[in-house]
Amino acid sequence: MRLEFLADGPAVVVENTERTLVVADLHFGIESDLARHGWHFSSRSIERMQRVARLVDRTKPDRLLLLGDVKQSVPFTTRQEWRELPEVLAALRARVPILVVPGNHDPGIERFLGVDELAEKTGVVVDGVGYLHGHTLPGPCLAGQLVLVGHHHPLAAVQDEVGCALRAPAYLMGEVDDACLGLPPVATPTRVLFVPAFNELAGYDVRKIVADPFSPISRCLKRETVEILLADGTLLGPIEALEPMTGAAP
């Protein structure tokens, strides 16, 4: 099994016997949600879809796996989502078969998908690799697997001695405590790879994900195994390698 990290996503291609392009947390319709809170942006849904489409055309996967939070609004579907999601999803499925592992922002997403395009919210194993959005406990099928997880929007914040700072999408990799998650005992440790959000407006400091966990998966991480990678797959090292940034926002 091989992972190909795509910095211009961020996204990752998982290659085993097949090639799966994995994209997490698109949050189509986020602009109308932000507008209700006083932040006004023109819709970027078509541009976001075109970015995914370019990755599909370049990497030529056997499937496109959307790792949850395809849409933004909960619990209802907004006018923006009703207007844009059919066009966006039709453009993607015209290029490649799609599979959605639903997230906490995806109530009603089934209206826009075929029966064979929607996986269980507790996760799925595809071509020997597990996939889970991350807001729920994982299903027993994920025990002992490498599991790609969305939901957390990991972002690395790095600062040098003179104050130059980098804030960029990142991957968080580590082992989880199977008993903590209620998974059946297996010989191989269950490993997780937190995939950064594809939506350019989303991001959350990886140090906060570990220090102040907010999901079943992050609460059951074995901290001593956690490593951070940049969007291109460059290894930054253990979580301790990221020094606190004074006054940094989450």
C-alpha atoms as a PDB file:
ATOM      1  CA  MET A   1       0.000   0.000   0.000  1.00  0.00           C
ATOM      2  CA  ARG A   2       1.322   3.439  -0.982  1.00  0.00           C
ATOM      3  CA  LEU A   3       0.218   6.961  -0.064  1.00  0.00           C
ATOM      4  CA  GLU A   4       0.718   9.842  -2.486  1.00  0.00           C
ATOM      5  CA  PHE A   5       0.249  13.228  -0.807  1.00  0.00           C
ATOM      6  CA  LEU A   6      -1.071  16.016  -3.026  1.00  0.00           C
ATOM      7  CA  ALA A   7      -0.106  19.412  -1.633  1.00  0.00           C
ATOM      8  CA  ASP A   8      -2.282  21.254  -4.157  1.00  0.00           C
ATOM      9  CA  GLY A   9      -5.368  19.634  -2.674  1.00  0.00           C
ATOM     10  CA  PRO A  10      -4.760  18.955   0.071  1.00  0.00           C
ATOM     11  CA  ALA A  11      -5.676  15.378  -0.792  1.00  0.00           C
ATOM     12  CA  VAL A  12      -4.117  11.932  -0.801  1.00  0.00           C
ATOM     13  CA  VAL A  13      -4.115   9.022  -3.236  1.00  0.00           C
ATOM     14  CA  VAL A  14      -4.199   5.595  -1.593  1.00  0.00           C
ATOM     15  CA  GLU A  15      -2.826   2.932  -3.921  1.00  0.00           C
ATOM     16  CA  ASN A  16      -3.218  -0.749  -3.161  1.00  0.00           C
ATOM     17  CA  THR A  17      -4.746  -2.964  -5.831  1.00  0.00           C
ATOM     18  CA  GLU A  18      -6.701   0.149  -6.898  1.00  0.00           C
ATOM     19  CA  ARG A  19      -6.195   3.903  -6.700  1.00  0.00           C
ATOM     20  CA  THR A  20      -8.482   5.879  -4.378  1.00  0.00           C
ATOM     21  CA  LEU A  21      -8.346   9.683  -4.334  1.00  0.00           C
ATOM     22  CA  VAL A  22      -9.357  10.872  -0.857  1.00  0.00           C
ATOM     23  CA  VAL A  23     -10.727  14.371  -0.248  1.00  0.00           C
ATOM     24  CA  ALA A  24     -11.996  15.473   3.171  1.00  0.00           C
ATOM     25  CA  ASP A  25     -14.302  18.217   4.388  1.00  0.00           C
ATOM     26  CA  LEU A  26     -15.340  20.102   1.260  1.00  0.00           C
ATOM     27  CA  HIS A  27     -18.104  21.950   3.123  1.00  0.00           C
ATOM     28  CA  PHE A  28     -19.971  23.050   0.000  1.00  0.00           C
ATOM     29  CA  GLY A  29     -22.349  25.836   1.023  1.00  0.00           C
ATOM     30  CA  ILE A  30     -20.127  27.233   3.777  1.00  0.00           C
ATOM     31  CA  GLU A  31     -20.479  30.760   2.368  1.00  0.00           C
ATOM     32  CA  SER A  32     -24.184  31.057   3.178  1.00  0.00           C
ATOM     33  CA  ASP A  33     -23.515  29.768   6.692  1.00  0.00           C
ATOM     34  CA  LEU A  34     -20.757  32.337   7.211  1.00  0.00           C
ATOM     35  CA  ALA A  35     -23.026  35.091   5.880  1.00  0.00           C
ATOM     36  CA  ARG A  36     -25.464  34.406   8.713  1.00  0.00           C
ATOM     37  CA  HIS A  37     -22.617  35.222  11.095  1.00  0.00           C
ATOM     38  CA  GLY A  38     -21.616  38.435   9.333  1.00  0.00           C
ATOM     39  CA  TRP A  39     -18.820  37.061   7.109  1.00  0.00           C
ATOM     40  CA  HIS A  40     -19.643  37.564   3.443  1.00  0.00           C
ATOM     41  CA  PHE A  41     -17.930  35.638   0.657  1.00  0.00           C
ATOM     42  CA  SER A  42     -19.006  34.875  -2.892  1.00  0.00           C
ATOM     43  CA  SER A  43     -19.685  31.182  -3.418  1.00  0.00           C
ATOM     44  CA  ARG A  44     -16.516  29.244  -4.205  1.00  0.00           C
ATOM     45  CA  SER A  45     -18.286  25.928  -4.787  1.00  0.00           C
ATOM     46  CA  ILE A  46     -17.584  25.744  -8.509  1.00  0.00           C
ATOM     47  CA  GLU A  47     -13.924  26.689  -8.024  1.00  0.00           C
ATOM     48  CA  ARG A  48     -13.633  24.094  -5.244  1.00  0.00           C
ATOM     49  CA  MET A  49     -15.221  21.432  -7.451  1.00  0.00           C
ATOM     50  CA  GLN A  50     -12.856  22.352 -10.303  1.00  0.00           C
ATOM     51  CA  ARG A  51      -9.861  21.902  -7.989  1.00  0.00           C
ATOM     52  CA  VAL A  52     -11.084  18.379  -7.181  1.00  0.00           C
ATOM     53  CA  ALA A  53     -11.751  17.699 -10.856  1.00  0.00           C
ATOM     54  CA  ARG A  54      -8.197  18.694 -11.788  1.00  0.00           C
ATOM     55  CA  LEU A  55      -6.833  16.257  -9.213  1.00  0.00           C
ATOM     56  CA  VAL A  56      -9.065  13.500 -10.614  1.00  0.00           C
ATOM     57  CA  ASP A  57      -7.906  14.218 -14.159  1.00  0.00           C
ATOM     58  CA  ARG A  58      -4.253  14.224 -13.110  1.00  0.00           C
ATOM     59  CA  THR A  59      -4.171  11.219 -10.775  1.00  0.00           C
ATOM     60  CA  LYS A  60      -6.653   9.019 -12.680  1.00  0.00           C
ATOM     61  CA  PRO A  61      -8.083   7.177  -9.648  1.00  0.00           C
ATOM     62  CA  ASP A  62     -10.478   4.233  -9.715  1.00  0.00           C
ATOM     63  CA  ARG A  63     -12.732   6.108  -7.281  1.00  0.00           C
ATOM     64  CA  LEU A  64     -13.098   9.454  -5.530  1.00  0.00           C
ATOM     65  CA  LEU A  65     -13.764   8.973  -1.819  1.00  0.00           C
ATOM     66  CA  LEU A  66     -15.246  12.020  -0.078  1.00  0.00           C
ATOM     67  CA  LEU A  67     -14.388  11.710   3.603  1.00  0.00           C
ATOM     68  CA  GLY A  68     -17.451  13.452   5.010  1.00  0.00           C
ATOM     69  CA  ASP A  69     -18.825  16.961   5.431  1.00  0.00           C
ATOM     70  CA  VAL A  70     -19.509  17.307   1.736  1.00  0.00           C
ATOM     71  CA  LYS A  71     -22.058  19.968   2.664  1.00  0.00           C
ATOM     72  CA  GLN A  72     -22.092  22.582   5.427  1.00  0.00           C
ATOM     73  CA  SER A  73     -25.528  23.267   6.869  1.00  0.00           C
ATOM     74  CA  VAL A  74     -27.008  21.256   9.747  1.00  0.00           C
ATOM     75  CA  PRO A  75     -29.631  20.058  10.324  1.00  0.00           C
ATOM     76  CA  PHE A  76     -31.212  21.504   7.183  1.00  0.00           C
ATOM     77  CA  THR A  77     -30.098  21.861   3.568  1.00  0.00           C
ATOM     78  CA  THR A  78     -29.771  25.502   2.494  1.00  0.00           C
ATOM     79  CA  ARG A  79     -30.892  27.064  -0.767  1.00  0.00           C
ATOM     80  CA  GLN A  80     -27.258  27.382  -1.789  1.00  0.00           C
ATOM     81  CA  GLU A  81     -26.714  23.651  -1.230  1.00  0.00           C
ATOM     82  CA  TRP A  82     -29.900  22.688  -3.091  1.00  0.00           C
ATOM     83  CA  ARG A  83     -28.787  24.894  -5.969  1.00  0.00           C
ATOM     84  CA  GLU A  84     -25.137  23.859  -6.166  1.00  0.00           C
ATOM     85  CA  LEU A  85     -24.761  20.269  -4.952  1.00  0.00           C
ATOM     86  CA  PRO A  86     -26.471  18.552  -7.927  1.00  0.00           C
ATOM     87  CA  GLU A  87     -24.174  20.322 -10.406  1.00  0.00           C
ATOM     88  CA  VAL A  88     -21.053  19.803  -8.310  1.00  0.00           C
ATOM     89  CA  LEU A  89     -21.618  16.080  -7.709  1.00  0.00           C
ATOM     90  CA  ALA A  90     -22.705  15.449 -11.312  1.00  0.00           C
ATOM     91  CA  ALA A  91     -19.475  17.025 -12.566  1.00  0.00           C
ATOM     92  CA  LEU A  92     -17.401  14.771 -10.299  1.00  0.00           C
ATOM     93  CA  ARG A  93     -19.243  11.498 -10.965  1.00  0.00           C
ATOM     94  CA  ALA A  94     -18.979  12.185 -14.692  1.00  0.00           C
ATOM     95  CA  ARG A  95     -15.220  11.741 -14.250  1.00  0.00           C
ATOM     96  CA  VAL A  96     -14.974   8.951 -11.695  1.00  0.00           C
ATOM     97  CA  PRO A  97     -17.164   6.796  -9.395  1.00  0.00           C
ATOM     98  CA  ILE A  98     -17.695   8.514  -6.048  1.00  0.00           C
ATOM     99  CA  LEU A  99     -18.176   7.170  -2.528  1.00  0.00           C
ATOM    100  CA  VAL A 100     -19.172   9.360   0.419  1.00  0.00           C
ATOM    101  CA  VAL A 101     -18.480   8.481   4.055  1.00  0.00           C
ATOM    102  CA  PRO A 102     -21.009  10.858   5.669  1.00  0.00           C
ATOM    103  CA  GLY A 103     -20.012  13.369   8.322  1.00  0.00           C
ATOM    104  CA  ASN A 104     -21.819  15.377  10.962  1.00  0.00           C
ATOM    105  CA  HIS A 105     -22.593  18.135   8.421  1.00  0.00           C
ATOM    106  CA  ASP A 106     -24.176  15.697   5.955  1.00  0.00           C
ATOM    107  CA  PRO A 107     -27.817  15.234   7.036  1.00  0.00           C
ATOM    108  CA  GLY A 108     -29.787  14.977   3.816  1.00  0.00           C
ATOM    109  CA  ILE A 109     -26.762  14.248   1.599  1.00  0.00           C
ATOM    110  CA  GLU A 110     -28.430  10.985   0.535  1.00  0.00           C
ATOM    111  CA  ARG A 111     -30.871  13.046  -1.578  1.00  0.00           C
ATOM    112  CA  PHE A 112     -27.989  13.909  -3.890  1.00  0.00           C
ATOM    113  CA  LEU A 113     -26.358  10.458  -4.072  1.00  0.00           C
ATOM    114  CA  GLY A 114     -27.037   7.092  -5.613  1.00  0.00           C
ATOM    115  CA  VAL A 115     -27.606   4.096  -3.334  1.00  0.00           C
ATOM    116  CA  ASP A 116     -24.121   2.734  -4.046  1.00  0.00           C
ATOM    117  CA  GLU A 117     -22.461   6.114  -3.420  1.00  0.00           C
ATOM    118  CA  LEU A 118     -23.141   6.329   0.336  1.00  0.00           C
ATOM    119  CA  ALA A 119     -21.150   4.367   2.939  1.00  0.00           C
ATOM    120  CA  GLU A 120     -21.972   3.776   6.598  1.00  0.00           C
ATOM    121  CA  LYS A 121     -21.206   6.686   8.933  1.00  0.00           C
ATOM    122  CA  THR A 122     -19.341   4.280  11.250  1.00  0.00           C
ATOM    123  CA  GLY A 123     -16.784   3.705   8.509  1.00  0.00           C
ATOM    124  CA  VAL A 124     -15.932   1.420   5.634  1.00  0.00           C
ATOM    125  CA  VAL A 125     -12.981  -0.633   4.427  1.00  0.00           C
ATOM    126  CA  VAL A 126     -12.146  -0.141   0.747  1.00  0.00           C
ATOM    127  CA  ASP A 127      -9.307  -2.041  -0.931  1.00  0.00           C
ATOM    128  CA  GLY A 128      -7.740  -2.923   2.422  1.00  0.00           C
ATOM    129  CA  VAL A 129      -7.837   0.588   3.944  1.00  0.00           C
ATOM    130  CA  GLY A 130     -10.344   2.049   6.411  1.00  0.00           C
ATOM    131  CA  TYR A 131     -12.221   5.335   6.027  1.00  0.00           C
ATOM    132  CA  LEU A 132     -14.195   7.241   8.658  1.00  0.00           C
ATOM    133  CA  HIS A 133     -15.347  10.833   8.920  1.00  0.00           C
ATOM    134  CA  GLY A 134     -14.443  10.887  12.613  1.00  0.00           C
ATOM    135  CA  HIS A 135     -17.420  12.293  14.512  1.00  0.00           C
ATOM    136  CA  THR A 136     -18.662   8.838  15.582  1.00  0.00           C
ATOM    137  CA  LEU A 137     -17.176   5.744  17.143  1.00  0.00           C
ATOM    138  CA  PRO A 138     -15.656   3.527  14.440  1.00  0.00           C
ATOM    139  CA  GLY A 139     -17.276   0.282  13.409  1.00  0.00           C
ATOM    140  CA  PRO A 140     -15.550  -3.026  14.287  1.00  0.00           C
ATOM    141  CA  CYS A 141     -14.477  -3.499  10.657  1.00  0.00           C
ATOM    142  CA  LEU A 142     -11.857  -0.762  11.172  1.00  0.00           C
ATOM    143  CA  ALA A 143      -9.950  -2.571  13.950  1.00  0.00           C
ATOM    144  CA  GLY A 144      -6.333  -3.191  12.970  1.00  0.00           C
ATOM    145  CA  GLN A 145      -6.575  -1.076   9.818  1.00  0.00           C
ATOM    146  CA  LEU A 146      -4.953   2.113   8.661  1.00  0.00           C
ATOM    147  CA  VAL A 147      -7.954   4.462   8.871  1.00  0.00           C
ATOM    148  CA  LEU A 148      -8.114   7.795   7.051  1.00  0.00           C
ATOM    149  CA  VAL A 149     -10.152  10.266   9.084  1.00  0.00           C
ATOM    150  CA  GLY A 150     -11.670  13.662   8.285  1.00  0.00           C
ATOM    151  CA  HIS A 151     -13.584  16.001  10.640  1.00  0.00           C
ATOM    152  CA  HIS A 152     -10.590  17.548  12.449  1.00  0.00           C
ATOM    153  CA  HIS A 153      -9.293  19.981   9.758  1.00  0.00           C
ATOM    154  CA  PRO A 154      -5.645  19.643  10.947  1.00  0.00           C
ATOM    155  CA  LEU A 155      -3.417  22.677  10.467  1.00  0.00           C
ATOM    156  CA  ALA A 156       0.254  22.989  11.456  1.00  0.00           C
ATOM    157  CA  ALA A 157       1.524  26.254  12.909  1.00  0.00           C
ATOM    158  CA  VAL A 158       5.305  26.625  12.895  1.00  0.00           C
ATOM    159  CA  GLN A 159       7.337  29.643  14.015  1.00  0.00           C
ATOM    160  CA  ASP A 160      11.095  30.219  13.903  1.00  0.00           C
ATOM    161  CA  GLU A 161      13.384  32.208  16.207  1.00  0.00           C
ATOM    162  CA  VAL A 162      12.862  35.516  14.376  1.00  0.00           C
ATOM    163  CA  GLY A 163       9.083  35.238  14.373  1.00  0.00           C
ATOM    164  CA  CYS A 164       8.460  34.044  10.807  1.00  0.00           C
ATOM    165  CA  ALA A 165       5.391  31.815  10.909  1.00  0.00           C
ATOM    166  CA  LEU A 166       3.785  29.180   8.708  1.00  0.00           C
ATOM    167  CA  ARG A 167       0.210  28.013   9.043  1.00  0.00           C
ATOM    168  CA  ALA A 168      -0.597  25.268   6.578  1.00  0.00           C
ATOM    169  CA  PRO A 169      -2.774  22.162   6.154  1.00  0.00           C
ATOM    170  CA  ALA A 170      -1.186  19.118   7.732  1.00  0.00           C
ATOM    171  CA  TYR A 171      -1.697  15.414   8.375  1.00  0.00           C
ATOM    172  CA  LEU A 172      -1.695  13.874  11.835  1.00  0.00           C
ATOM    173  CA  MET A 173      -0.728  10.206  12.071  1.00  0.00           C
ATOM    174  CA  GLY A 174      -0.706   7.926  15.088  1.00  0.00           C
ATOM    175  CA  GLU A 175      -2.042   4.848  16.797  1.00  0.00           C
ATOM    176  CA  VAL A 176      -5.288   4.684  18.754  1.00  0.00           C
ATOM    177  CA  ASP A 177      -6.270   2.735  21.859  1.00  0.00           C
ATOM    178  CA  ASP A 178      -8.644   0.088  20.502  1.00  0.00           C
ATOM    179  CA  ALA A 179     -10.175  -0.603  23.925  1.00  0.00           C
ATOM    180  CA  CYS A 180     -10.885   3.118  24.377  1.00  0.00           C
ATOM    181  CA  LEU A 181     -12.841   3.035  21.111  1.00  0.00           C
ATOM    182  CA  GLY A 182     -14.619  -0.218  21.884  1.00  0.00           C
ATOM    183  CA  LEU A 183     -12.919  -2.004  18.989  1.00  0.00           C
ATOM    184  CA  PRO A 184     -12.363  -5.761  19.157  1.00  0.00           C
ATOM    185  CA  PRO A 185      -8.823  -6.877  20.069  1.00  0.00           C
ATOM    186  CA  VAL A 186      -6.621  -7.578  17.042  1.00  0.00           C
ATOM    187  CA  ALA A 187      -2.937  -8.366  16.576  1.00  0.00           C
ATOM    188  CA  THR A 188      -2.179  -5.266  14.492  1.00  0.00           C
ATOM    189  CA  PRO A 189      -2.464  -1.770  16.022  1.00  0.00           C
ATOM    190  CA  THR A 190      -5.164   0.469  14.561  1.00  0.00           C
ATOM    191  CA  ARG A 191      -3.525   3.508  12.994  1.00  0.00           C
ATOM    192  CA  VAL A 192      -5.208   6.729  11.923  1.00  0.00           C
ATOM    193  CA  LEU A 193      -4.294   9.432   9.436  1.00  0.00           C
ATOM    194  CA  PHE A 194      -6.180  12.691   9.960  1.00  0.00           C
ATOM    195  CA  VAL A 195      -6.666  14.278   6.529  1.00  0.00           C
ATOM    196  CA  PRO A 196      -6.724  18.100   6.266  1.00  0.00           C
ATOM    197  CA  ALA A 197      -9.827  19.893   5.029  1.00  0.00           C
ATOM    198  CA  PHE A 198     -10.012  20.555   1.290  1.00  0.00           C
ATOM    199  CA  ASN A 199     -12.087  23.646   2.028  1.00  0.00           C
ATOM    200  CA  GLU A 200      -9.667  26.567   2.102  1.00  0.00           C
ATOM    201  CA  LEU A 201     -11.636  28.332   4.857  1.00  0.00           C
ATOM    202  CA  ALA A 202     -11.267  25.492   7.397  1.00  0.00           C
ATOM    203  CA  GLY A 203      -8.359  24.688   9.704  1.00  0.00           C
ATOM    204  CA  TYR A 204      -7.643  23.733  13.325  1.00  0.00           C
ATOM    205  CA  ASP A 205      -4.267  23.602  15.074  1.00  0.00           C
ATOM    206  CA  VAL A 206      -2.965  20.031  15.367  1.00  0.00           C
ATOM    207  CA  ARG A 207      -1.680  20.773  18.883  1.00  0.00           C
ATOM    208  CA  LYS A 208      -5.208  21.584  20.033  1.00  0.00           C
ATOM    209  CA  ILE A 209      -6.530  18.398  18.420  1.00  0.00           C
ATOM    210  CA  VAL A 210      -4.166  16.411  20.647  1.00  0.00           C
ATOM    211  CA  ALA A 211      -4.237  18.587  23.781  1.00  0.00           C
ATOM    212  CA  ASP A 212      -7.983  19.291  23.806  1.00  0.00           C
ATOM    213  CA  PRO A 213      -9.598  16.402  21.906  1.00  0.00           C
ATOM    214  CA  PHE A 214     -13.188  16.800  20.720  1.00  0.00           C
ATOM    215  CA  SER A 215     -13.971  13.486  18.990  1.00  0.00           C
ATOM    216  CA  PRO A 216     -13.910   9.791  19.908  1.00  0.00           C
ATOM    217  CA  ILE A 217     -10.849   9.212  17.714  1.00  0.00           C
ATOM    218  CA  SER A 218      -8.833  12.174  19.022  1.00  0.00           C
ATOM    219  CA  ARG A 219      -9.680  11.289  22.638  1.00  0.00           C
ATOM    220  CA  CYS A 220      -8.266   7.798  22.103  1.00  0.00           C
ATOM    221  CA  LEU A 221      -5.039   8.775  20.340  1.00  0.00           C
ATOM    222  CA  LYS A 222      -1.832   7.390  21.816  1.00  0.00           C
ATOM    223  CA  ARG A 223      -0.047  10.719  22.117  1.00  0.00           C
ATOM    224  CA  GLU A 224       3.439   9.207  22.153  1.00  0.00           C
ATOM    225  CA  THR A 225       2.865   7.823  18.626  1.00  0.00           C
ATOM    226  CA  VAL A 226       1.576  11.039  17.027  1.00  0.00           C
ATOM    227  CA  GLU A 227       3.541  12.497  14.130  1.00  0.00           C
ATOM    228  CA  ILE A 228       2.802  15.507  11.931  1.00  0.00           C
ATOM    229  CA  LEU A 229       3.249  15.726   8.164  1.00  0.00           C
ATOM    230  CA  LEU A 230       2.863  18.718   5.879  1.00  0.00           C
ATOM    231  CA  ALA A 231       0.436  18.615   2.963  1.00  0.00           C
ATOM    232  CA  ASP A 232       3.141  17.312   0.617  1.00  0.00           C
ATOM    233  CA  GLY A 233       3.997  14.448   2.984  1.00  0.00           C
ATOM    234  CA  THR A 234       7.081  16.077   4.515  1.00  0.00           C
ATOM    235  CA  LEU A 235       7.534  14.722   8.040  1.00  0.00           C
ATOM    236  CA  LEU A 236       7.726  17.471  10.663  1.00  0.00           C
ATOM    237  CA  GLY A 237       8.168  14.969  13.479  1.00  0.00           C
ATOM    238  CA  PRO A 238       6.345  14.287  16.752  1.00  0.00           C
ATOM    239  CA  ILE A 239       3.717  16.677  18.040  1.00  0.00           C
ATOM    240  CA  GLU A 240       6.268  18.065  20.514  1.00  0.00           C
ATOM    241  CA  ALA A 241       8.269  19.410  17.543  1.00  0.00           C
ATOM    242  CA  LEU A 242       5.666  22.153  17.150  1.00  0.00           C
ATOM    243  CA  GLU A 243       6.474  24.835  19.682  1.00  0.00           C
ATOM    244  CA  PRO A 244       3.533  26.853  21.043  1.00  0.00           C
ATOM    245  CA  MET A 245       2.839  30.056  19.145  1.00  0.00           C
ATOM    246  CA  THR A 246       2.159  32.892  21.565  1.00  0.00           C
ATOM    247  CA  GLY A 247      -1.247  34.370  20.889  1.00  0.00           C
ATOM    248  CA  ALA A 248      -1.978  31.958  18.039  1.00  0.00           C
ATOM    249  CA  ALA A 249      -5.606  31.424  17.154  1.00  0.00           C
ATOM    250  CA  PRO A 250      -6.919  27.869  16.933  1.00  0.00           C
END
